[in-house]
Amino acid sequence: MPKQRFTSAVRPGASGVAAAEFALIAPVLIAMMLSVYDIGNAVWQRLLLQQALRAGGQYAMSFPTQTSGITQVITASLSGLTDVTVVPPAMSPPPGDGPPYYITLSASRPYAPFLLPLDTENVASYVVRVQ
């Protein structure tokens, strides 16, 4: 019985084509995956900042004159993140003028992108209207 040779069904002698195609497309796929990681991580950090500012806003609605408590609530909500800068709450008009007035809360955190040239800082702000 003669020995049977197995060859490619597409083309005989095309054994290295798949490896060459993968070598060409692999850098593009890796760049796409790292870009998705960068965007996802930046959005996740910005959402954490916004959630912390909302918690501070809820505290501000209950205790509008205790600005140090507002800052403490925001920093406690951001306990998982480091290098966060919480700006002291700003009131407009000044508290002596009476309600309604607005309390502006803002926080920022530096962001080091892995691949994409994104913003180098995540900034979030929240405005509370107190009556």
N, C-alpha and C. Protein backbone atom coordinates (compact mmCIF):
# COMPACT_ATOMS: atom_id res chain seq x y z
N MET A 1 0.85 -1.17 0.00
CA MET A 1 0.00 0.00 0.00
C MET A 1 0.90 1.24 0.00
N PRO A 2 0.64 2.17 -0.91
CA PRO A 2 1.48 3.36 -0.96
C PRO A 2 1.21 4.28 0.23
N LYS A 3 2.25 5.01 0.61
CA LYS A 3 2.15 5.97 1.72
C LYS A 3 1.37 7.19 1.24
N GLN A 4 0.38 7.60 2.04
CA GLN A 4 -0.47 8.73 1.66
C GLN A 4 0.04 10.01 2.33
N ARG A 5 0.20 11.06 1.55
CA ARG A 5 0.64 12.35 2.07
C ARG A 5 -0.56 13.25 2.30
N PHE A 6 -0.54 13.93 3.45
CA PHE A 6 -1.60 14.88 3.74
C PHE A 6 -1.11 16.28 3.36
N THR A 7 -1.83 16.92 2.55
CA THR A 7 -1.48 18.28 2.14
C THR A 7 -2.64 19.20 2.49
N SER A 8 -2.38 20.48 2.41
CA SER A 8 -3.40 21.46 2.71
C SER A 8 -4.54 21.37 1.72
N ALA A 9 -5.74 21.53 2.20
CA ALA A 9 -6.91 21.45 1.33
C ALA A 9 -7.02 22.71 0.46
N VAL A 10 -6.45 23.81 0.95
CA VAL A 10 -6.55 25.06 0.21
C VAL A 10 -5.50 25.11 -0.90
N ARG A 11 -4.24 25.00 -0.51
CA ARG A 11 -3.14 25.03 -1.47
C ARG A 11 -2.04 24.12 -0.99
N PRO A 12 -1.51 23.34 -1.83
CA PRO A 12 -0.36 22.55 -1.41
C PRO A 12 0.84 23.46 -1.19
N GLY A 13 1.55 23.22 -0.09
CA GLY A 13 2.75 23.99 0.21
C GLY A 13 2.50 25.32 0.89
N ALA A 14 1.32 25.57 1.46
CA ALA A 14 1.00 26.83 2.13
C ALA A 14 1.04 26.66 3.64
N SER A 15 2.08 26.03 4.15
CA SER A 15 2.10 25.70 5.57
C SER A 15 2.45 26.89 6.47
N GLY A 16 3.20 27.86 6.02
CA GLY A 16 3.60 28.98 6.87
C GLY A 16 2.79 30.24 6.68
N VAL A 17 1.76 30.19 5.87
CA VAL A 17 0.98 31.39 5.57
C VAL A 17 0.23 31.88 6.80
N ALA A 18 -0.35 30.99 7.58
CA ALA A 18 -1.11 31.39 8.76
C ALA A 18 -0.20 32.06 9.78
N ALA A 19 1.01 31.55 9.97
CA ALA A 19 1.95 32.16 10.91
C ALA A 19 2.37 33.55 10.43
N ALA A 20 2.57 33.70 9.15
CA ALA A 20 2.95 35.01 8.61
C ALA A 20 1.80 36.01 8.75
N GLU A 21 0.58 35.58 8.50
CA GLU A 21 -0.57 36.47 8.65
C GLU A 21 -0.76 36.87 10.11
N PHE A 22 -0.57 35.94 11.02
CA PHE A 22 -0.68 36.26 12.45
C PHE A 22 0.41 37.24 12.86
N ALA A 23 1.61 37.07 12.35
CA ALA A 23 2.70 37.99 12.67
C ALA A 23 2.39 39.40 12.19
N LEU A 24 1.66 39.52 11.10
CA LEU A 24 1.30 40.84 10.59
C LEU A 24 0.17 41.49 11.38
N ILE A 25 -0.79 40.69 11.82
CA ILE A 25 -1.97 41.25 12.48
C ILE A 25 -1.82 41.34 14.01
N ALA A 26 -0.89 40.61 14.61
CA ALA A 26 -0.73 40.60 16.07
C ALA A 26 -0.46 41.98 16.65
N PRO A 27 0.43 42.79 16.10
CA PRO A 27 0.63 44.14 16.69
C PRO A 27 -0.63 45.00 16.66
N VAL A 28 -1.43 44.85 15.62
CA VAL A 28 -2.67 45.63 15.54
C VAL A 28 -3.65 45.17 16.62
N LEU A 29 -3.76 43.87 16.81
CA LEU A 29 -4.67 43.34 17.84
C LEU A 29 -4.21 43.75 19.24
N ILE A 30 -2.91 43.70 19.49
CA ILE A 30 -2.40 44.09 20.81
C ILE A 30 -2.64 45.58 21.06
N ALA A 31 -2.40 46.40 20.05
CA ALA A 31 -2.66 47.84 20.20
C ALA A 31 -4.13 48.11 20.47
N MET A 32 -5.02 47.38 19.81
CA MET A 32 -6.45 47.57 20.05
C MET A 32 -6.83 47.16 21.47
N MET A 33 -6.29 46.05 21.96
CA MET A 33 -6.61 45.61 23.32
C MET A 33 -6.09 46.60 24.36
N LEU A 34 -4.89 47.13 24.17
CA LEU A 34 -4.36 48.11 25.12
C LEU A 34 -5.14 49.42 25.06
N SER A 35 -5.63 49.79 23.89
CA SER A 35 -6.45 51.00 23.77
C SER A 35 -7.77 50.84 24.52
N VAL A 36 -8.37 49.69 24.40
CA VAL A 36 -9.63 49.41 25.13
C VAL A 36 -9.37 49.45 26.63
N TYR A 37 -8.23 48.92 27.07
CA TYR A 37 -7.87 48.96 28.49
C TYR A 37 -7.72 50.41 28.95
N ASP A 38 -7.02 51.24 28.17
CA ASP A 38 -6.83 52.64 28.53
C ASP A 38 -8.15 53.38 28.67
N ILE A 39 -9.01 53.24 27.70
CA ILE A 39 -10.28 53.94 27.73
C ILE A 39 -11.14 53.44 28.89
N GLY A 40 -11.20 52.15 29.07
CA GLY A 40 -12.00 51.58 30.17
C GLY A 40 -11.50 52.01 31.53
N ASN A 41 -10.19 52.03 31.72
CA ASN A 41 -9.64 52.42 33.01
C ASN A 41 -9.89 53.91 33.28
N ALA A 42 -9.76 54.75 32.28
CA ALA A 42 -10.02 56.19 32.46
C ALA A 42 -11.49 56.43 32.81
N VAL A 43 -12.40 55.75 32.12
CA VAL A 43 -13.83 55.91 32.39
C VAL A 43 -14.17 55.40 33.78
N TRP A 44 -13.59 54.27 34.17
CA TRP A 44 -13.84 53.70 35.51
C TRP A 44 -13.40 54.67 36.60
N GLN A 45 -12.21 55.26 36.45
CA GLN A 45 -11.73 56.20 37.46
C GLN A 45 -12.60 57.45 37.52
N ARG A 46 -13.03 57.93 36.37
CA ARG A 46 -13.89 59.12 36.37
C ARG A 46 -15.24 58.81 37.03
N LEU A 47 -15.78 57.62 36.81
CA LEU A 47 -17.03 57.23 37.46
C LEU A 47 -16.87 57.15 38.97
N LEU A 48 -15.73 56.64 39.45
CA LEU A 48 -15.49 56.61 40.89
C LEU A 48 -15.44 58.02 41.47
N LEU A 49 -14.81 58.94 40.75
CA LEU A 49 -14.78 60.33 41.22
C LEU A 49 -16.19 60.91 41.27
N GLN A 50 -16.99 60.65 40.25
CA GLN A 50 -18.35 61.19 40.23
C GLN A 50 -19.21 60.60 41.33
N GLN A 51 -19.06 59.30 41.61
CA GLN A 51 -19.83 58.68 42.70
C GLN A 51 -19.46 59.30 44.04
N ALA A 52 -18.17 59.55 44.25
CA ALA A 52 -17.74 60.15 45.51
C ALA A 52 -18.29 61.57 45.64
N LEU A 53 -18.30 62.31 44.56
CA LEU A 53 -18.84 63.67 44.62
C LEU A 53 -20.35 63.67 44.84
N ARG A 54 -21.04 62.68 44.30
CA ARG A 54 -22.48 62.55 44.58
C ARG A 54 -22.72 62.27 46.06
N ALA A 55 -21.89 61.42 46.65
CA ALA A 55 -22.03 61.14 48.08
C ALA A 55 -21.78 62.42 48.89
N GLY A 56 -20.78 63.19 48.48
CA GLY A 56 -20.54 64.48 49.14
C GLY A 56 -21.70 65.43 48.92
N GLY A 57 -22.32 65.39 47.75
CA GLY A 57 -23.48 66.24 47.47
C GLY A 57 -24.67 65.88 48.33
N GLN A 58 -24.88 64.58 48.56
CA GLN A 58 -25.97 64.17 49.43
C GLN A 58 -25.73 64.65 50.86
N TYR A 59 -24.47 64.57 51.29
CA TYR A 59 -24.13 65.07 52.62
C TYR A 59 -24.33 66.59 52.67
N ALA A 60 -23.97 67.28 51.59
CA ALA A 60 -24.10 68.74 51.55
C ALA A 60 -25.56 69.16 51.62
N MET A 61 -26.47 68.37 51.05
CA MET A 61 -27.89 68.72 51.12
C MET A 61 -28.41 68.59 52.55
N SER A 62 -27.86 67.64 53.30
CA SER A 62 -28.30 67.46 54.68
C SER A 62 -27.65 68.46 55.62
N PHE A 63 -26.35 68.71 55.41
CA PHE A 63 -25.58 69.60 56.30
C PHE A 63 -24.82 70.62 55.44
N PRO A 64 -25.51 71.62 54.90
CA PRO A 64 -24.87 72.51 53.93
C PRO A 64 -23.76 73.40 54.48
N THR A 65 -23.74 73.66 55.77
CA THR A 65 -22.72 74.56 56.31
C THR A 65 -21.47 73.83 56.79
N GLN A 66 -21.47 72.53 56.81
CA GLN A 66 -20.32 71.77 57.31
C GLN A 66 -19.42 71.35 56.12
N THR A 67 -18.63 72.30 55.66
CA THR A 67 -17.80 72.02 54.49
C THR A 67 -16.70 71.00 54.77
N SER A 68 -16.19 70.96 55.99
CA SER A 68 -15.16 69.96 56.29
C SER A 68 -15.75 68.55 56.27
N GLY A 69 -16.98 68.41 56.69
CA GLY A 69 -17.65 67.10 56.63
C GLY A 69 -17.88 66.65 55.20
N ILE A 70 -18.17 67.60 54.31
CA ILE A 70 -18.37 67.27 52.90
C ILE A 70 -17.08 66.70 52.33
N THR A 71 -15.96 67.36 52.62
CA THR A 71 -14.66 66.88 52.12
C THR A 71 -14.32 65.52 52.70
N GLN A 72 -14.64 65.30 53.96
CA GLN A 72 -14.37 63.99 54.58
C GLN A 72 -15.19 62.88 53.93
N VAL A 73 -16.43 63.16 53.59
CA VAL A 73 -17.27 62.15 52.93
C VAL A 73 -16.70 61.81 51.56
N ILE A 74 -16.25 62.82 50.83
CA ILE A 74 -15.69 62.58 49.50
C ILE A 74 -14.42 61.74 49.60
N THR A 75 -13.52 62.10 50.50
CA THR A 75 -12.27 61.34 50.62
C THR A 75 -12.52 59.93 51.15
N ALA A 76 -13.51 59.76 52.00
CA ALA A 76 -13.82 58.41 52.48
C ALA A 76 -14.39 57.56 51.36
N SER A 77 -15.15 58.17 50.46
CA SER A 77 -15.71 57.42 49.33
C SER A 77 -14.63 57.03 48.32
N LEU A 78 -13.52 57.74 48.33
CA LEU A 78 -12.43 57.47 47.39
C LEU A 78 -11.29 56.71 48.06
N SER A 79 -11.59 55.91 49.05
CA SER A 79 -10.53 55.24 49.80
C SER A 79 -9.72 54.28 48.94
N GLY A 80 -10.27 53.78 47.83
CA GLY A 80 -9.55 52.85 46.97
C GLY A 80 -8.57 53.53 46.03
N LEU A 81 -8.70 54.84 45.83
CA LEU A 81 -7.83 55.57 44.91
C LEU A 81 -6.82 56.41 45.68
N THR A 82 -5.63 56.51 45.11
CA THR A 82 -4.60 57.36 45.72
C THR A 82 -4.41 58.59 44.84
N ASP A 83 -3.70 59.57 45.34
CA ASP A 83 -3.36 60.79 44.61
C ASP A 83 -4.60 61.57 44.17
N VAL A 84 -5.65 61.54 44.95
CA VAL A 84 -6.86 62.29 44.61
C VAL A 84 -6.78 63.66 45.26
N THR A 85 -7.07 64.69 44.48
CA THR A 85 -7.10 66.06 45.00
C THR A 85 -8.55 66.50 45.08
N VAL A 86 -9.02 66.74 46.29
CA VAL A 86 -10.40 67.20 46.50
C VAL A 86 -10.34 68.70 46.77
N VAL A 87 -11.00 69.46 45.90
CA VAL A 87 -11.04 70.92 46.05
C VAL A 87 -12.06 71.24 47.14
N PRO A 88 -11.72 72.16 48.06
CA PRO A 88 -12.71 72.53 49.09
C PRO A 88 -14.00 73.04 48.44
N PRO A 89 -15.15 72.71 49.03
CA PRO A 89 -16.44 73.13 48.44
C PRO A 89 -16.53 74.65 48.33
N ALA A 90 -17.08 75.10 47.22
CA ALA A 90 -17.28 76.53 46.99
C ALA A 90 -18.77 76.83 47.03
N MET A 91 -19.14 77.86 47.80
CA MET A 91 -20.55 78.25 47.91
C MET A 91 -20.78 79.56 47.17
N SER A 92 -21.87 79.62 46.43
CA SER A 92 -22.24 80.87 45.77
C SER A 92 -23.75 81.03 45.83
N PRO A 93 -24.29 82.12 46.20
CA PRO A 93 -23.65 83.23 46.88
C PRO A 93 -23.18 82.80 48.27
N PRO A 94 -22.46 83.66 48.98
CA PRO A 94 -21.97 83.28 50.31
C PRO A 94 -23.10 82.83 51.23
N PRO A 95 -22.80 81.94 52.20
CA PRO A 95 -23.84 81.37 53.06
C PRO A 95 -24.67 82.39 53.83
N GLY A 96 -24.16 83.57 54.10
CA GLY A 96 -24.91 84.56 54.87
C GLY A 96 -26.06 85.18 54.08
N ASP A 97 -26.05 85.05 52.78
CA ASP A 97 -27.10 85.65 51.95
C ASP A 97 -28.40 84.86 51.97
N GLY A 98 -28.37 83.64 52.48
CA GLY A 98 -29.58 82.84 52.58
C GLY A 98 -29.81 81.98 51.34
N PRO A 99 -30.70 81.01 51.50
CA PRO A 99 -30.97 80.10 50.38
C PRO A 99 -31.76 80.79 49.29
N PRO A 100 -31.84 80.33 48.10
CA PRO A 100 -31.10 79.16 47.63
C PRO A 100 -29.67 79.54 47.26
N TYR A 101 -28.77 78.61 47.47
CA TYR A 101 -27.39 78.81 47.04
C TYR A 101 -26.86 77.49 46.51
N TYR A 102 -25.72 77.58 45.86
CA TYR A 102 -25.14 76.43 45.18
C TYR A 102 -23.81 76.06 45.81
N ILE A 103 -23.59 74.77 45.97
CA ILE A 103 -22.31 74.26 46.46
C ILE A 103 -21.68 73.48 45.31
N THR A 104 -20.49 73.90 44.93
CA THR A 104 -19.78 73.23 43.84
C THR A 104 -18.70 72.35 44.44
N LEU A 105 -18.76 71.07 44.10
CA LEU A 105 -17.77 70.09 44.56
C LEU A 105 -16.96 69.64 43.35
N SER A 106 -15.66 69.49 43.54
CA SER A 106 -14.84 68.99 42.44
C SER A 106 -13.65 68.22 42.99
N ALA A 107 -13.21 67.25 42.20
CA ALA A 107 -12.07 66.42 42.57
C ALA A 107 -11.33 66.04 41.29
N SER A 108 -10.06 65.76 41.44
CA SER A 108 -9.26 65.34 40.28
C SER A 108 -8.25 64.29 40.71
N ARG A 109 -7.80 63.54 39.73
CA ARG A 109 -6.81 62.49 39.97
C ARG A 109 -5.95 62.37 38.72
N PRO A 110 -4.62 62.34 38.89
CA PRO A 110 -3.77 62.16 37.71
C PRO A 110 -3.99 60.78 37.09
N TYR A 111 -3.94 60.72 35.78
CA TYR A 111 -4.10 59.47 35.07
C TYR A 111 -2.94 59.28 34.11
N ALA A 112 -2.29 58.15 34.19
CA ALA A 112 -1.17 57.83 33.31
C ALA A 112 -1.64 56.81 32.28
N PRO A 113 -1.93 57.24 31.07
CA PRO A 113 -2.38 56.30 30.05
C PRO A 113 -1.28 55.31 29.68
N PHE A 114 -1.70 54.12 29.33
CA PHE A 114 -0.77 53.06 28.96
C PHE A 114 -0.31 53.20 27.52
N LEU A 115 -1.21 53.54 26.64
CA LEU A 115 -0.87 53.61 25.22
C LEU A 115 -1.40 54.87 24.54
N LEU A 116 -2.65 55.19 24.78
CA LEU A 116 -3.28 56.31 24.08
C LEU A 116 -2.90 57.65 24.67
N PRO A 117 -2.85 58.69 23.85
CA PRO A 117 -2.58 60.03 24.38
C PRO A 117 -3.86 60.66 24.94
N LEU A 118 -4.36 60.11 26.04
CA LEU A 118 -5.57 60.63 26.67
C LEU A 118 -5.21 61.79 27.59
N ASP A 119 -6.23 62.39 28.19
CA ASP A 119 -5.99 63.43 29.20
C ASP A 119 -5.14 62.83 30.31
N THR A 120 -4.27 63.65 30.86
CA THR A 120 -3.41 63.14 31.93
C THR A 120 -4.02 63.37 33.30
N GLU A 121 -5.27 63.82 33.34
CA GLU A 121 -5.93 64.03 34.63
C GLU A 121 -7.43 63.80 34.47
N ASN A 122 -7.99 63.04 35.38
CA ASN A 122 -9.43 62.85 35.43
C ASN A 122 -10.00 63.91 36.36
N VAL A 123 -10.95 64.67 35.88
CA VAL A 123 -11.57 65.74 36.67
C VAL A 123 -13.07 65.52 36.67
N ALA A 124 -13.67 65.65 37.85
CA ALA A 124 -15.12 65.53 37.97
C ALA A 124 -15.62 66.66 38.85
N SER A 125 -16.83 67.12 38.58
CA SER A 125 -17.43 68.17 39.41
C SER A 125 -18.91 67.87 39.60
N TYR A 126 -19.46 68.44 40.66
CA TYR A 126 -20.86 68.21 41.01
C TYR A 126 -21.38 69.47 41.67
N VAL A 127 -22.58 69.91 41.28
CA VAL A 127 -23.16 71.13 41.83
C VAL A 127 -24.44 70.75 42.57
N VAL A 128 -24.56 71.24 43.81
CA VAL A 128 -25.72 70.97 44.66
C VAL A 128 -26.46 72.29 44.89
N ARG A 129 -27.76 72.28 44.71
CA ARG A 129 -28.58 73.45 44.99
C ARG A 129 -29.27 73.23 46.32
N VAL A 130 -29.00 74.11 47.26
CA VAL A 130 -29.59 74.01 48.60
C VAL A 130 -30.61 75.12 48.76
N GLN A 131 -31.83 74.73 49.19
CA GLN A 131 -32.89 75.73 49.37
C GLN A 131 -33.13 75.99 50.84
